[in-house]
C-alpha atoms as a PDB file:
ATOM      1  CA  UNK A   1     -29.955  15.522 -37.092  1.00  0.00           C
ATOM      2  CA  UNK A   2     -26.474  14.413 -36.933  1.00  0.00           C
ATOM      3  CA  UNK A   3     -25.338  16.500 -34.195  1.00  0.00           C
ATOM      4  CA  UNK A   4     -28.035  15.001 -32.165  1.00  0.00           C
ATOM      5  CA  UNK A   5     -26.654  11.628 -33.022  1.00  0.00           C
ATOM      6  CA  UNK A   6     -22.917  12.724 -32.171  1.00  0.00           C
ATOM      7  CA  UNK A   7     -23.877  14.266 -28.716  1.00  0.00           C
ATOM      8  CA  UNK A   8     -25.930  11.026 -27.829  1.00  0.00           C
ATOM      9  CA  UNK A   9     -22.677   9.052 -28.694  1.00  0.00           C
ATOM     10  CA  UNK A  10     -20.687  10.909 -26.438  1.00  0.00           C
ATOM     11  CA  UNK A  11     -23.277  11.002 -23.523  1.00  0.00           C
ATOM     12  CA  UNK A  12     -22.957   7.227 -23.871  1.00  0.00           C
ATOM     13  CA  UNK A  13     -19.181   6.981 -24.147  1.00  0.00           C
ATOM     14  CA  UNK A  14     -18.902   8.930 -21.140  1.00  0.00           C
ATOM     15  CA  UNK A  15     -21.528   7.104 -19.100  1.00  0.00           C
ATOM     16  CA  UNK A  16     -19.858   3.700 -19.786  1.00  0.00           C
ATOM     17  CA  UNK A  17     -16.698   5.223 -18.835  1.00  0.00           C
ATOM     18  CA  UNK A  18     -18.127   6.334 -15.461  1.00  0.00           C
ATOM     19  CA  UNK A  19     -19.807   3.000 -14.965  1.00  0.00           C
ATOM     20  CA  UNK A  20     -16.413   0.988 -15.864  1.00  0.00           C
ATOM     21  CA  UNK A  21     -14.191   3.203 -13.714  1.00  0.00           C
ATOM     22  CA  UNK A  22     -13.248   1.179 -10.252  1.00  0.00           C
ATOM     23  CA  UNK A  23     -11.896   2.459  -7.184  1.00  0.00           C
ATOM     24  CA  UNK A  24      -8.045   1.766  -7.091  1.00  0.00           C
ATOM     25  CA  UNK A  25      -7.078  -1.298  -5.367  1.00  0.00           C
ATOM     26  CA  UNK A  26      -4.073  -0.038  -3.664  1.00  0.00           C
ATOM     27  CA  UNK A  27      -5.294   4.136  -2.313  1.00  0.00           C
ATOM     28  CA  UNK A  28      -2.340   6.278  -2.020  1.00  0.00           C
ATOM     29  CA  UNK A  29      -2.534   8.149   1.425  1.00  0.00           C
ATOM     30  CA  UNK A  30      -1.076  11.506   2.842  1.00  0.00           C
ATOM     31  CA  UNK A  31      -0.680  12.227   5.857  1.00  0.00           C
ATOM     32  CA  UNK A  32      -4.663  14.090   5.891  1.00  0.00           C
ATOM     33  CA  UNK A  33      -5.652  11.017   4.952  1.00  0.00           C
ATOM     34  CA  UNK A  34      -3.914   8.500   6.404  1.00  0.00           C
ATOM     35  CA  UNK A  35      -5.659   8.402   9.957  1.00  0.00           C
ATOM     36  CA  UNK A  36      -9.266   8.606   8.354  1.00  0.00           C
ATOM     37  CA  UNK A  37      -8.801   5.529   6.474  1.00  0.00           C
ATOM     38  CA  UNK A  38      -6.781   3.285   8.591  1.00  0.00           C
ATOM     39  CA  UNK A  39      -9.197   4.261  11.926  1.00  0.00           C
ATOM     40  CA  UNK A  40     -11.848   2.957   9.084  1.00  0.00           C
ATOM     41  CA  UNK A  41     -10.367  -0.525   8.394  1.00  0.00           C
ATOM     42  CA  UNK A  42     -10.334  -3.399  10.750  1.00  0.00           C
ATOM     43  CA  UNK A  43      -7.169  -4.369   9.042  1.00  0.00           C
ATOM     44  CA  UNK A  44      -5.086  -2.512   6.581  1.00  0.00           C
ATOM     45  CA  UNK A  45      -1.653  -3.286   5.134  1.00  0.00           C
ATOM     46  CA  UNK A  46       0.339  -0.348   4.207  1.00  0.00           C
ATOM     47  CA  UNK A  47       3.788  -0.071   1.472  1.00  0.00           C
ATOM     48  CA  UNK A  48       5.809   2.885   2.418  1.00  0.00           C
ATOM     49  CA  UNK A  49       7.562   3.321  -0.603  1.00  0.00           C
ATOM     50  CA  UNK A  50       9.545   6.120  -2.591  1.00  0.00           C
ATOM     51  CA  UNK A  51       9.215   5.805  -6.764  1.00  0.00           C
ATOM     52  CA  UNK A  52      12.756   6.198  -7.252  1.00  0.00           C
ATOM     53  CA  UNK A  53      13.640   2.950  -4.944  1.00  0.00           C
ATOM     54  CA  UNK A  54      14.615   0.304  -7.270  1.00  0.00           C
ATOM     55  CA  UNK A  55      13.301  -2.589  -4.357  1.00  0.00           C
ATOM     56  CA  UNK A  56      10.029  -0.418  -4.226  1.00  0.00           C
ATOM     57  CA  UNK A  57       9.745  -0.660  -8.149  1.00  0.00           C
ATOM     58  CA  UNK A  58       9.662  -4.737  -8.384  1.00  0.00           C
ATOM     59  CA  UNK A  59       7.357  -4.988  -5.540  1.00  0.00           C
ATOM     60  CA  UNK A  60       4.609  -2.882  -6.210  1.00  0.00           C
ATOM     61  CA  UNK A  61       3.399  -4.603  -8.994  1.00  0.00           C
ATOM     62  CA  UNK A  62       3.677  -7.666  -6.902  1.00  0.00           C
ATOM     63  CA  UNK A  63       2.004  -5.430  -4.012  1.00  0.00           C
ATOM     64  CA  UNK A  64      -0.820  -4.610  -6.384  1.00  0.00           C
ATOM     65  CA  UNK A  65      -1.465  -8.236  -7.312  1.00  0.00           C
ATOM     66  CA  UNK A  66      -1.679  -9.304  -4.146  1.00  0.00           C
ATOM     67  CA  UNK A  67      -4.397  -6.529  -3.257  1.00  0.00           C
ATOM     68  CA  UNK A  68      -6.494  -7.821  -6.418  1.00  0.00           C
ATOM     69  CA  UNK A  69      -6.188 -11.440  -5.515  1.00  0.00           C
ATOM     70  CA  UNK A  70      -7.353 -10.466  -2.047  1.00  0.00           C
ATOM     71  CA  UNK A  71     -10.365  -8.534  -3.671  1.00  0.00           C
ATOM     72  CA  UNK A  72     -11.283 -11.296  -5.532  1.00  0.00           C
ATOM     73  CA  UNK A  73     -11.000 -13.428  -2.322  1.00  0.00           C
ATOM     74  CA  UNK A  74     -13.460 -11.015  -0.415  1.00  0.00           C
ATOM     75  CA  UNK A  75     -10.893 -10.781   2.093  1.00  0.00           C
ATOM     76  CA  UNK A  76     -11.634  -7.970   4.596  1.00  0.00           C
ATOM     77  CA  UNK A  77      -8.313  -6.047   4.364  1.00  0.00           C
ATOM     78  CA  UNK A  78      -7.238  -2.690   3.047  1.00  0.00           C
ATOM     79  CA  UNK A  79      -4.150  -2.297   0.905  1.00  0.00           C
ATOM     80  CA  UNK A  80      -2.720   1.304   0.935  1.00  0.00           C
ATOM     81  CA  UNK A  81       0.492   3.052  -0.145  1.00  0.00           C
ATOM     82  CA  UNK A  82       2.385   6.154   1.149  1.00  0.00           C
ATOM     83  CA  UNK A  83       5.221   7.855  -0.614  1.00  0.00           C
ATOM     84  CA  UNK A  84       7.980   8.428   1.508  1.00  0.00           C
ATOM     85  CA  UNK A  85       9.343  10.858  -1.113  1.00  0.00           C
ATOM     86  CA  UNK A  86       6.830  12.716  -2.017  1.00  0.00           C
ATOM     87  CA  UNK A  87       3.261  13.740   0.208  1.00  0.00           C
ATOM     88  CA  UNK A  88       3.772  11.251   2.523  1.00  0.00           C
ATOM     89  CA  UNK A  89       7.358  12.338   3.746  1.00  0.00           C
ATOM     90  CA  UNK A  90       6.444  13.898   6.935  1.00  0.00           C
ATOM     91  CA  UNK A  91       4.086  10.837   7.740  1.00  0.00           C
ATOM     92  CA  UNK A  92       7.446   8.041   6.918  1.00  0.00           C
ATOM     93  CA  UNK A  93       8.989  10.295   9.296  1.00  0.00           C
ATOM     94  CA  UNK A  94       6.669  10.564  12.270  1.00  0.00           C
ATOM     95  CA  UNK A  95       6.228   6.638  11.499  1.00  0.00           C
ATOM     96  CA  UNK A  96       9.852   5.788  11.777  1.00  0.00           C
ATOM     97  CA  UNK A  97      10.362   4.036   8.293  1.00  0.00           C
ATOM     98  CA  UNK A  98      13.504   2.781   7.982  1.00  0.00           C
ATOM     99  CA  UNK A  99      14.012   1.015   5.022  1.00  0.00           C
ATOM    100  CA  UNK A 100      11.742   1.185   1.814  1.00  0.00           C
ATOM    101  CA  UNK A 101       9.412  -0.824   1.189  1.00  0.00           C
ATOM    102  CA  UNK A 102       8.192  -1.087   4.565  1.00  0.00           C
ATOM    103  CA  UNK A 103       5.212  -2.889   4.542  1.00  0.00           C
ATOM    104  CA  UNK A 104       3.192  -2.434   8.031  1.00  0.00           C
ATOM    105  CA  UNK A 105       0.047  -3.808   9.319  1.00  0.00           C
ATOM    106  CA  UNK A 106      -2.628  -1.675  11.049  1.00  0.00           C
ATOM    107  CA  UNK A 107      -5.749  -3.129  13.003  1.00  0.00           C
ATOM    108  CA  UNK A 108      -8.044  -0.250  13.802  1.00  0.00           C
ATOM    109  CA  UNK A 109      -5.553   2.073  12.979  1.00  0.00           C
ATOM    110  CA  UNK A 110      -3.330   1.144  15.351  1.00  0.00           C
ATOM    111  CA  UNK A 111       0.260  -0.352  13.652  1.00  0.00           C
ATOM    112  CA  UNK A 112       0.812  -4.289  14.542  1.00  0.00           C
ATOM    113  CA  UNK A 113       4.195  -4.785  12.970  1.00  0.00           C
ATOM    114  CA  UNK A 114       6.182  -4.807   9.877  1.00  0.00           C
ATOM    115  CA  UNK A 115       5.998  -7.626   7.209  1.00  0.00           C
ATOM    116  CA  UNK A 116       9.133  -9.154   6.913  1.00  0.00           C
ATOM    117  CA  UNK A 117       8.688 -12.093   4.250  1.00  0.00           C
ATOM    118  CA  UNK A 118       8.757 -12.762   0.489  1.00  0.00           C
ATOM    119  CA  UNK A 119       7.958  -9.669  -1.456  1.00  0.00           C
ATOM    120  CA  UNK A 120       5.858 -11.790  -3.713  1.00  0.00           C
ATOM    121  CA  UNK A 121       2.052 -11.620  -4.296  1.00  0.00           C
ATOM    122  CA  UNK A 122       1.395 -14.982  -3.058  1.00  0.00           C
ATOM    123  CA  UNK A 123       3.096 -14.419   0.304  1.00  0.00           C
ATOM    124  CA  UNK A 124       1.802 -10.864   0.819  1.00  0.00           C
ATOM    125  CA  UNK A 125      -1.950 -12.629   0.269  1.00  0.00           C
ATOM    126  CA  UNK A 126      -1.208 -15.847   2.760  1.00  0.00           C
ATOM    127  CA  UNK A 127       0.257 -13.103   4.973  1.00  0.00           C
ATOM    128  CA  UNK A 128      -2.961 -11.335   4.804  1.00  0.00           C
ATOM    129  CA  UNK A 129      -4.996 -14.557   5.054  1.00  0.00           C
ATOM    130  CA  UNK A 130      -3.434 -15.468   8.495  1.00  0.00           C
ATOM    131  CA  UNK A 131      -3.638 -12.100   9.471  1.00  0.00           C
ATOM    132  CA  UNK A 132      -7.027 -11.816   9.364  1.00  0.00           C
ATOM    133  CA  UNK A 133      -7.791 -15.013  11.187  1.00  0.00           C
ATOM    134  CA  UNK A 134      -5.451 -13.959  13.959  1.00  0.00           C
ATOM    135  CA  UNK A 135      -4.005 -10.614  13.739  1.00  0.00           C
ATOM    136  CA  UNK A 136      -2.789 -10.316  17.143  1.00  0.00           C
ATOM    137  CA  UNK A 137      -0.894 -13.691  16.942  1.00  0.00           C
ATOM    138  CA  UNK A 138       1.334 -12.472  13.969  1.00  0.00           C
ATOM    139  CA  UNK A 139       4.788 -12.375  14.450  1.00  0.00           C
ATOM    140  CA  UNK A 140       5.699  -9.216  12.518  1.00  0.00           C
ATOM    141  CA  UNK A 141       8.519  -7.185  13.539  1.00  0.00           C
ATOM    142  CA  UNK A 142      11.834  -6.567  11.328  1.00  0.00           C
ATOM    143  CA  UNK A 143      14.708  -7.080  13.316  1.00  0.00           C
ATOM    144  CA  UNK A 144      16.024  -4.150  15.352  1.00  0.00           C
ATOM    145  CA  UNK A 145      19.183  -4.865  14.083  1.00  0.00           C
ATOM    146  CA  UNK A 146      19.996  -2.673  11.479  1.00  0.00           C
ATOM    147  CA  UNK A 147      23.816  -3.826  11.382  1.00  0.00           C
ATOM    148  CA  UNK A 148      22.802  -5.787   8.528  1.00  0.00           C
ATOM    149  CA  UNK A 149      20.378  -4.211   6.425  1.00  0.00           C
ATOM    150  CA  UNK A 150      18.096  -6.566   4.395  1.00  0.00           C
ATOM    151  CA  UNK A 151      18.478  -7.582   0.863  1.00  0.00           C
ATOM    152  CA  UNK A 152      15.166  -6.656  -0.539  1.00  0.00           C
ATOM    153  CA  UNK A 153      15.323  -2.944   0.924  1.00  0.00           C
ATOM    154  CA  UNK A 154      16.228   0.270   0.944  1.00  0.00           C
ATOM    155  CA  UNK A 155      17.669   2.157   3.566  1.00  0.00           C
ATOM    156  CA  UNK A 156      15.616   5.464   4.357  1.00  0.00           C
ATOM    157  CA  UNK A 157      16.152   8.503   6.587  1.00  0.00           C
ATOM    158  CA  UNK A 158      13.937  11.077   5.688  1.00  0.00           C
ATOM    159  CA  UNK A 159      15.937  14.021   7.344  1.00  0.00           C
ATOM    160  CA  UNK A 160      19.063  12.840   5.324  1.00  0.00           C
ATOM    161  CA  UNK A 161      18.572  13.887   1.671  1.00  0.00           C
ATOM    162  CA  UNK A 162      21.945  13.345   0.486  1.00  0.00           C
ATOM    163  CA  UNK A 163      21.510   9.074   1.193  1.00  0.00           C
ATOM    164  CA  UNK A 164      18.740   8.900  -1.379  1.00  0.00           C
END
């Protein structure tokens, strides 16, 4: 009898944990999953990061909070991230990621440009709200002038291991 009660308790606990598990607010993509997720997403924002990057470390909680707020507002946007130092290294090289974090907006799988605003949850959320209303009107592209590195990013050269 005690065994039956213990077994039922284990099953109830397992069932409750499975029901309460949610999908991640920010999906980590790899080269194998990148195209699949982005082509089915009307509008996607992707954070290209590296775990060792100090700017990425400070931006990650802001980005996750923006994703949470977007979900609460039921914004039709997909939030994702790619680890340029790990499973997404070849993807970051292919997409010419020059700074970390790079936050890039995609529409129907095609890049629209890079987000260059403040690295706060509210600023990213406002950006996404505007992008949803008029994604083709956004002024997104970061300056091509790499003589001055923006203060909130780290230079990234996937093929140059010494600069990391």
